[in-house]
Amino acid sequence: MPTYEYECQKCHHRYELFQRITESPKKTCPSCKGRVKRLLGMGGGLLFKGSGFYITDYRKSGYKESAKNDSGGSTPSKSTETKPSATKSSETKKNGAKD
């Protein structure tokens, strides 16, 4: 059921009313019994929270495993990286020595 916004033409009282789509618009203000006008509403925002909204949420359990195998599976570890400090010391000896 939607929420409609009304404004009184006499006292300018604004209020919202939760009513069915099939109901007729209200005609009198609850405060002063003056004539009301139904305003155009912006509507409710639609929020998608949680799981179940994306196609990847319903994939088979083996999908992630096969995707990992296709891409290579792992990243290089820190132990295989070269140490830059050893390279710098050998270059310093070569460049610093005069013949």
Protein backbone atom coordinates (compact mmCIF):
# COMPACT_ATOMS: atom_id res chain seq x y z
CA MET A 1 0.00 0.00 0.00
CA PRO A 2 1.41 3.40 -0.94
CA THR A 3 1.76 6.48 1.20
CA TYR A 4 0.10 9.64 -0.13
CA GLU A 5 0.95 13.19 0.89
CA TYR A 6 -1.78 15.80 1.35
CA GLU A 7 -1.76 19.56 1.98
CA CYS A 8 -4.65 21.62 3.31
CA GLN A 9 -5.55 24.64 1.15
CA LYS A 10 -6.84 26.54 4.19
CA CYS A 11 -4.33 25.99 7.04
CA HIS A 12 -1.42 24.58 4.92
CA HIS A 13 -1.18 21.54 7.18
CA ARG A 14 0.81 18.78 5.43
CA TYR A 15 0.42 15.14 6.32
CA GLU A 16 0.97 11.68 4.91
CA LEU A 17 -1.67 9.01 4.72
CA PHE A 18 -1.11 5.30 4.22
CA GLN A 19 -4.02 4.06 2.12
CA ARG A 20 -4.93 1.55 -0.57
CA ILE A 21 -4.62 2.37 -4.26
CA THR A 22 -8.32 1.65 -4.74
CA GLU A 23 -9.39 4.18 -2.07
CA SER A 24 -10.57 7.59 -3.23
CA PRO A 25 -8.43 10.62 -2.29
CA LYS A 26 -9.26 12.39 0.98
CA LYS A 27 -11.10 15.69 0.66
CA THR A 28 -11.02 17.26 4.14
CA CYS A 29 -8.20 18.25 6.48
CA PRO A 30 -8.13 16.37 9.80
CA SER A 31 -7.12 19.61 11.62
CA CYS A 32 -9.46 22.32 10.31
CA LYS A 33 -11.85 20.40 8.02
CA GLY A 34 -10.68 22.54 5.09
CA ARG A 35 -10.21 21.30 1.56
CA VAL A 36 -7.03 19.23 0.89
CA LYS A 37 -5.03 18.58 -2.23
CA ARG A 38 -3.12 15.35 -2.86
CA LEU A 39 0.51 16.10 -3.74
CA LEU A 40 2.73 14.21 -6.12
CA GLY A 41 4.95 11.92 -4.11
CA MET A 42 8.45 10.86 -4.93
CA GLY A 43 7.68 7.25 -4.10
CA GLY A 44 9.66 4.93 -1.95
CA GLY A 45 13.22 4.06 -2.70
CA LEU A 46 14.00 0.48 -3.57
CA LEU A 47 16.90 -1.00 -1.62
CA PHE A 48 18.60 -4.29 -2.39
CA LYS A 49 20.35 -5.46 0.75
CA GLY A 50 21.75 -8.84 1.62
CA SER A 51 22.39 -11.87 -0.51
CA GLY A 52 20.24 -13.24 -3.28
CA PHE A 53 20.11 -10.25 -5.60
CA TYR A 54 22.96 -11.12 -7.93
CA ILE A 55 23.31 -14.08 -10.27
CA THR A 56 26.59 -14.99 -8.59
CA ASP A 57 24.74 -15.65 -5.32
CA TYR A 58 23.05 -18.71 -6.81
CA ARG A 59 25.97 -20.29 -8.65
CA LYS A 60 27.02 -23.86 -8.01
CA SER A 61 29.50 -24.45 -5.20
CA GLY A 62 32.15 -25.76 -7.63
CA TYR A 63 32.15 -22.50 -9.62
CA LYS A 64 34.65 -20.72 -7.38
CA GLU A 65 37.01 -23.68 -7.44
CA SER A 66 36.97 -23.94 -11.23
CA ALA A 67 37.42 -20.19 -11.60
CA LYS A 68 40.44 -20.35 -9.30
CA ASN A 69 41.97 -23.18 -11.35
CA ASP A 70 41.42 -21.27 -14.61
CA SER A 71 43.15 -18.13 -13.34
CA GLY A 72 46.23 -19.85 -11.96
CA GLY A 73 45.02 -20.24 -8.43
CA SER A 74 47.53 -18.32 -6.35
CA THR A 75 49.51 -15.12 -6.06
CA PRO A 76 53.28 -15.01 -5.60
CA SER A 77 54.37 -15.21 -1.98
CA LYS A 78 56.67 -12.75 -0.26
CA SER A 79 59.48 -15.31 0.11
CA THR A 80 60.08 -15.42 -3.68
CA GLU A 81 60.66 -11.66 -3.99
CA THR A 82 64.23 -10.44 -4.48
CA LYS A 83 65.87 -8.31 -1.87
CA PRO A 84 66.83 -4.90 -3.27
CA SER A 85 69.41 -4.19 -0.52
CA ALA A 86 71.81 -6.94 -1.73
CA THR A 87 71.72 -5.58 -5.27
CA LYS A 88 72.45 -2.02 -4.15
CA SER A 89 75.55 -3.00 -2.14
CA SER A 90 77.15 -4.82 -5.07
CA GLU A 91 76.41 -1.89 -7.43
CA THR A 92 77.97 0.55 -4.95
CA LYS A 93 81.22 -1.41 -4.90
CA LYS A 94 81.39 -1.43 -8.71
CA ASN A 95 80.58 2.26 -9.14
CA GLY A 96 82.55 3.50 -6.14
CA ALA A 97 85.89 1.83 -7.02
CA LYS A 98 88.26 3.88 -9.17
CA ASP A 99 90.78 2.17 -11.47
